[in-house]
Structure formats: structure tokens, C-alpha cells
Amino acid sequence: MIVEDAESPGHLWIAHEQPIGLHHEEVFACFTTAGGLCRWLAVDAQIEARAGGLIVLAWDRGWKSTTTIAILDLDPGGRVTWDWQAASSDRHAPLYWEVVPSVEQGCVVRLRQGPFPAADAEALRLMAEETQYWTWHLCNLRGVLEAKHDMRAVRPL
């Protein structure tokens, strides 16, 4: 979903919500531990789980292709902010993750990314790519946690 925010006029944000039928602490660990990140996102990972710490994501087993991101903020209660470059560009677009307990569903993962300038065609293209990317990965997170099915297994990593 694309949303506008009154605090950043002229800019758009990506917003996702994904219900997951597990305890919020187990789901939050998927954003704040190396083992958790490997369950749904990267092949391997290293993490300093603190504000100002770094996450290194390995996209292959040999660590030839990696992404290093900073943890801008970390609240052990269920919020973490990652520094992020949109669609492998130089455009800064942080990821604001929140895992909220839900009596009915276990928890809800909320993602906000942005802001993206609404009048910039390149920013809108990057926003579209990021929306597709995170929709797929959040679906994979849910599949891994609820059904033990990793969609990455059907394609080479």
C-alpha cells in the first residue's frame, strides 16, 4: 500500500501489514537475530543488535554478495529501523519494522519505508520495486513461520 503522511508533505510511503500466527517475540527475532534473518531473507547474516549496530546479509553461501545496513533504532519491545538503499540505488529509504501482538492473529508485522518524493518519477519507480520486493519477502516470512515453507527453496540463491 502507498500512503501519504501529514508530517512529510509531498512524499509517499510504502506501508505493509502482515498477520502472522506466532508469538510476537519469535517473529521479532526474525528482524534482530542472525538465525532469524536467515529463516526468511538472507542465506547467512551477522548482526550487532543495537542502535548503531550493523547487519551484514549474505546472499550466497560464499559471502561473495553481501549487503551491510545500519540499525538506526532498536526497541526490544518490537520496533527496529534499518537504514536501506531503495532498489539497490543511492536513494536513502529506511525500513521501519514493528511487530505488534494480536490476540486474534498472534502478531502483525508492520513495515513503513520512505519517504519517497511524490513528484520524482525515479523515486516512484524505486518505490514500486521496493513494494514488490517487500511484499514477496513478507509473504515468505509468513510462509516460513506458519507453514515451514520457504519460497526461496524453489529458486537458486
C-alpha atoms as a PDB file:
ATOM      1  CA  MET A   1       0.000   0.000   0.000  1.00  0.00           C
ATOM      2  CA  ILE A   2       1.161   3.533  -0.727  1.00  0.00           C
ATOM      3  CA  VAL A   3       0.295   6.185   1.854  1.00  0.00           C
ATOM      4  CA  GLU A   4       0.762   9.895   2.379  1.00  0.00           C
ATOM      5  CA  ASP A   5       1.958  11.236   5.709  1.00  0.00           C
ATOM      6  CA  ALA A   6       0.965  14.655   7.048  1.00  0.00           C
ATOM      7  CA  GLU A   7       4.429  15.002   8.591  1.00  0.00           C
ATOM      8  CA  SER A   8       6.145  14.729   5.189  1.00  0.00           C
ATOM      9  CA  PRO A   9       4.013  16.648   2.655  1.00  0.00           C
ATOM     10  CA  GLY A  10       4.794  15.908  -0.985  1.00  0.00           C
ATOM     11  CA  HIS A  11       6.192  12.493  -0.093  1.00  0.00           C
ATOM     12  CA  LEU A  12       4.826   8.963  -0.206  1.00  0.00           C
ATOM     13  CA  TRP A  13       5.497   5.939   1.980  1.00  0.00           C
ATOM     14  CA  ILE A  14       5.275   2.198   1.426  1.00  0.00           C
ATOM     15  CA  ALA A  15       3.149   0.555   4.132  1.00  0.00           C
ATOM     16  CA  HIS A  16       2.632  -3.189   4.618  1.00  0.00           C
ATOM     17  CA  GLU A  17       0.860  -5.193   7.304  1.00  0.00           C
ATOM     18  CA  GLN A  18       1.323  -8.956   7.522  1.00  0.00           C
ATOM     19  CA  PRO A  19      -0.519 -11.008  10.160  1.00  0.00           C
ATOM     20  CA  ILE A  20       1.485 -13.996  11.392  1.00  0.00           C
ATOM     21  CA  GLY A  21       0.115 -16.720  13.637  1.00  0.00           C
ATOM     22  CA  LEU A  22       3.049 -16.858  16.067  1.00  0.00           C
ATOM     23  CA  HIS A  23       4.103 -15.114  19.252  1.00  0.00           C
ATOM     24  CA  HIS A  24       5.408 -11.613  18.574  1.00  0.00           C
ATOM     25  CA  GLU A  25       8.783 -12.261  20.251  1.00  0.00           C
ATOM     26  CA  GLU A  26       9.556 -15.172  17.904  1.00  0.00           C
ATOM     27  CA  VAL A  27       8.613 -13.052  14.904  1.00  0.00           C
ATOM     28  CA  PHE A  28      10.589 -10.022  16.126  1.00  0.00           C
ATOM     29  CA  ALA A  29      13.679 -12.253  16.398  1.00  0.00           C
ATOM     30  CA  CYS A  30      13.435 -12.662  12.612  1.00  0.00           C
ATOM     31  CA  PHE A  31      14.455  -8.986  12.313  1.00  0.00           C
ATOM     32  CA  THR A  32      17.008  -8.828  15.128  1.00  0.00           C
ATOM     33  CA  THR A  33      18.994 -12.104  15.118  1.00  0.00           C
ATOM     34  CA  ALA A  34      21.239 -13.751  12.531  1.00  0.00           C
ATOM     35  CA  GLY A  35      19.291 -17.006  12.727  1.00  0.00           C
ATOM     36  CA  GLY A  36      16.010 -15.171  12.341  1.00  0.00           C
ATOM     37  CA  LEU A  37      17.171 -13.222   9.283  1.00  0.00           C
ATOM     38  CA  CYS A  38      18.329 -16.459   7.635  1.00  0.00           C
ATOM     39  CA  ARG A  39      14.912 -18.042   8.080  1.00  0.00           C
ATOM     40  CA  TRP A  40      13.260 -15.746   5.526  1.00  0.00           C
ATOM     41  CA  LEU A  41      15.559 -13.134   3.993  1.00  0.00           C
ATOM     42  CA  ALA A  42      19.272 -13.899   3.592  1.00  0.00           C
ATOM     43  CA  VAL A  43      21.359 -17.052   3.183  1.00  0.00           C
ATOM     44  CA  ASP A  44      23.541 -16.024   6.131  1.00  0.00           C
ATOM     45  CA  ALA A  45      23.806 -12.990   8.382  1.00  0.00           C
ATOM     46  CA  GLN A  46      25.818 -11.254  11.060  1.00  0.00           C
ATOM     47  CA  ILE A  47      24.201  -8.724  13.353  1.00  0.00           C
ATOM     48  CA  GLU A  48      25.072  -6.339  16.171  1.00  0.00           C
ATOM     49  CA  ALA A  49      21.561  -5.979  17.599  1.00  0.00           C
ATOM     50  CA  ARG A  50      21.726  -2.441  18.964  1.00  0.00           C
ATOM     51  CA  ALA A  51      21.064   1.074  17.742  1.00  0.00           C
ATOM     52  CA  GLY A  52      24.146   1.977  15.714  1.00  0.00           C
ATOM     53  CA  GLY A  53      24.971  -1.695  15.118  1.00  0.00           C
ATOM     54  CA  LEU A  54      25.352  -3.289  11.707  1.00  0.00           C
ATOM     55  CA  ILE A  55      23.607  -6.102   9.896  1.00  0.00           C
ATOM     56  CA  VAL A  56      25.541  -7.911   7.167  1.00  0.00           C
ATOM     57  CA  LEU A  57      23.311 -10.017   4.931  1.00  0.00           C
ATOM     58  CA  ALA A  58      24.939 -12.674   2.743  1.00  0.00           C
ATOM     59  CA  TRP A  59      23.024 -13.557  -0.408  1.00  0.00           C
ATOM     60  CA  ASP A  60      25.201 -16.609  -1.191  1.00  0.00           C
ATOM     61  CA  ARG A  61      26.936 -19.241   0.925  1.00  0.00           C
ATOM     62  CA  GLY A  62      30.420 -17.994  -0.003  1.00  0.00           C
ATOM     63  CA  TRP A  63      29.752 -14.434   1.234  1.00  0.00           C
ATOM     64  CA  LYS A  64      30.625 -13.032  -2.217  1.00  0.00           C
ATOM     65  CA  SER A  65      27.434 -10.970  -2.423  1.00  0.00           C
ATOM     66  CA  THR A  66      26.580  -9.042   0.743  1.00  0.00           C
ATOM     67  CA  THR A  67      24.599  -6.047   1.910  1.00  0.00           C
ATOM     68  CA  THR A  68      25.583  -4.078   5.011  1.00  0.00           C
ATOM     69  CA  ILE A  69      22.928  -1.990   6.709  1.00  0.00           C
ATOM     70  CA  ALA A  70      22.928   0.070   9.881  1.00  0.00           C
ATOM     71  CA  ILE A  71      20.406  -0.345  12.654  1.00  0.00           C
ATOM     72  CA  LEU A  72      19.171   3.207  13.180  1.00  0.00           C
ATOM     73  CA  ASP A  73      16.911   2.409  16.130  1.00  0.00           C
ATOM     74  CA  LEU A  74      16.059  -0.679  18.176  1.00  0.00           C
ATOM     75  CA  ASP A  75      13.319  -1.076  20.771  1.00  0.00           C
ATOM     76  CA  PRO A  76      13.352  -4.633  22.179  1.00  0.00           C
ATOM     77  CA  GLY A  77       9.592  -4.280  22.658  1.00  0.00           C
ATOM     78  CA  GLY A  78       9.074  -4.817  18.936  1.00  0.00           C
ATOM     79  CA  ARG A  79      10.446  -1.960  16.809  1.00  0.00           C
ATOM     80  CA  VAL A  80      13.593  -1.746  14.713  1.00  0.00           C
ATOM     81  CA  THR A  81      14.648   0.688  11.984  1.00  0.00           C
ATOM     82  CA  TRP A  82      17.106  -0.356   9.298  1.00  0.00           C
ATOM     83  CA  ASP A  83      18.990   2.040   7.070  1.00  0.00           C
ATOM     84  CA  TRP A  84      18.240   0.950   3.495  1.00  0.00           C
ATOM     85  CA  GLN A  85      19.031   1.972  -0.057  1.00  0.00           C
ATOM     86  CA  ALA A  86      15.919   1.626  -2.218  1.00  0.00           C
ATOM     87  CA  ALA A  87      16.176  -0.963  -5.009  1.00  0.00           C
ATOM     88  CA  SER A  88      19.996  -1.027  -4.885  1.00  0.00           C
ATOM     89  CA  SER A  89      20.137   2.679  -5.675  1.00  0.00           C
ATOM     90  CA  ASP A  90      21.719   5.530  -3.760  1.00  0.00           C
ATOM     91  CA  ARG A  91      18.305   6.717  -2.532  1.00  0.00           C
ATOM     92  CA  HIS A  92      18.056   6.527   1.251  1.00  0.00           C
ATOM     93  CA  ALA A  93      14.748   4.893   2.273  1.00  0.00           C
ATOM     94  CA  PRO A  94      14.827   3.479   5.822  1.00  0.00           C
ATOM     95  CA  LEU A  95      12.731   0.473   6.799  1.00  0.00           C
ATOM     96  CA  TYR A  96      10.638   0.951   9.929  1.00  0.00           C
ATOM     97  CA  TRP A  97       9.666  -2.501  11.247  1.00  0.00           C
ATOM     98  CA  GLU A  98       7.168  -3.049  14.050  1.00  0.00           C
ATOM     99  CA  VAL A  99       5.905  -6.386  15.398  1.00  0.00           C
ATOM    100  CA  VAL A 100       2.672  -5.905  17.348  1.00  0.00           C
ATOM    101  CA  PRO A 101       0.990  -8.614  19.455  1.00  0.00           C
ATOM    102  CA  SER A 102      -2.510  -9.552  18.298  1.00  0.00           C
ATOM    103  CA  VAL A 103      -4.885 -11.721  20.320  1.00  0.00           C
ATOM    104  CA  GLU A 104      -6.693 -12.899  17.186  1.00  0.00           C
ATOM    105  CA  GLN A 105      -3.693 -13.448  14.914  1.00  0.00           C
ATOM    106  CA  GLY A 106      -0.589 -13.954  17.051  1.00  0.00           C
ATOM    107  CA  CYS A 107       1.036 -10.764  15.812  1.00  0.00           C
ATOM    108  CA  VAL A 108       1.080  -8.269  12.975  1.00  0.00           C
ATOM    109  CA  VAL A 109       4.280  -7.179  11.224  1.00  0.00           C
ATOM    110  CA  ARG A 110       4.099  -3.568  10.090  1.00  0.00           C
ATOM    111  CA  LEU A 111       6.559  -2.096   7.638  1.00  0.00           C
ATOM    112  CA  ARG A 112       6.878   1.531   6.597  1.00  0.00           C
ATOM    113  CA  GLN A 113       9.501   2.621   4.115  1.00  0.00           C
ATOM    114  CA  GLY A 114      10.271   6.078   2.872  1.00  0.00           C
ATOM    115  CA  PRO A 115       9.751   8.872   2.367  1.00  0.00           C
ATOM    116  CA  PHE A 116       9.784   8.954  -1.443  1.00  0.00           C
ATOM    117  CA  PRO A 117       9.254  12.312  -3.237  1.00  0.00           C
ATOM    118  CA  ALA A 118       5.846  12.099  -4.944  1.00  0.00           C
ATOM    119  CA  ALA A 119       6.875  14.329  -7.872  1.00  0.00           C
ATOM    120  CA  ASP A 120      10.046  12.369  -8.740  1.00  0.00           C
ATOM    121  CA  ALA A 121       9.497   9.698 -11.420  1.00  0.00           C
ATOM    122  CA  GLU A 122      12.676   7.812 -10.477  1.00  0.00           C
ATOM    123  CA  ALA A 123      11.638   7.747  -6.815  1.00  0.00           C
ATOM    124  CA  LEU A 124       8.239   6.353  -7.826  1.00  0.00           C
ATOM    125  CA  ARG A 125       9.924   3.624  -9.892  1.00  0.00           C
ATOM    126  CA  LEU A 126      12.115   2.694  -6.926  1.00  0.00           C
ATOM    127  CA  MET A 127       9.073   2.728  -4.667  1.00  0.00           C
ATOM    128  CA  ALA A 128       7.289   0.289  -6.989  1.00  0.00           C
ATOM    129  CA  GLU A 129      10.301  -2.063  -6.951  1.00  0.00           C
ATOM    130  CA  GLU A 130      10.584  -1.876  -3.169  1.00  0.00           C
ATOM    131  CA  THR A 131       6.855  -2.544  -2.763  1.00  0.00           C
ATOM    132  CA  GLN A 132       7.117  -5.702  -4.841  1.00  0.00           C
ATOM    133  CA  TYR A 133      10.317  -6.795  -3.070  1.00  0.00           C
ATOM    134  CA  TRP A 134       8.954  -6.434   0.460  1.00  0.00           C
ATOM    135  CA  THR A 135       5.540  -7.881  -0.398  1.00  0.00           C
ATOM    136  CA  TRP A 136       7.269 -11.058  -1.583  1.00  0.00           C
ATOM    137  CA  HIS A 137       9.614 -11.246   1.418  1.00  0.00           C
ATOM    138  CA  LEU A 138       6.861 -10.623   3.975  1.00  0.00           C
ATOM    139  CA  CYS A 139       4.808 -13.367   2.335  1.00  0.00           C
ATOM    140  CA  ASN A 140       7.862 -15.627   2.613  1.00  0.00           C
ATOM    141  CA  LEU A 141       8.285 -14.694   6.287  1.00  0.00           C
ATOM    142  CA  ARG A 142       4.709 -15.752   6.974  1.00  0.00           C
ATOM    143  CA  GLY A 143       5.088 -18.965   4.953  1.00  0.00           C
ATOM    144  CA  VAL A 144       8.305 -19.915   6.743  1.00  0.00           C
ATOM    145  CA  LEU A 145       6.913 -19.245  10.203  1.00  0.00           C
ATOM    146  CA  GLU A 146       3.381 -20.609   9.809  1.00  0.00           C
ATOM    147  CA  ALA A 147       3.781 -23.431   7.279  1.00  0.00           C
ATOM    148  CA  LYS A 148       7.549 -24.134   7.342  1.00  0.00           C
ATOM    149  CA  HIS A 149       7.594 -23.367   3.602  1.00  0.00           C
ATOM    150  CA  ASP A 150      10.458 -21.208   2.328  1.00  0.00           C
ATOM    151  CA  MET A 151       9.651 -19.804  -1.120  1.00  0.00           C
ATOM    152  CA  ARG A 152      13.388 -19.233  -1.693  1.00  0.00           C
ATOM    153  CA  ALA A 153      13.854 -23.020  -1.907  1.00  0.00           C
ATOM    154  CA  VAL A 154      12.247 -23.171  -5.355  1.00  0.00           C
ATOM    155  CA  ARG A 155      14.805 -20.851  -6.936  1.00  0.00           C
ATOM    156  CA  PRO A 156      18.594 -20.804  -6.776  1.00  0.00           C
ATOM    157  CA  LEU A 157      20.123 -18.458  -4.236  1.00  0.00           C
END
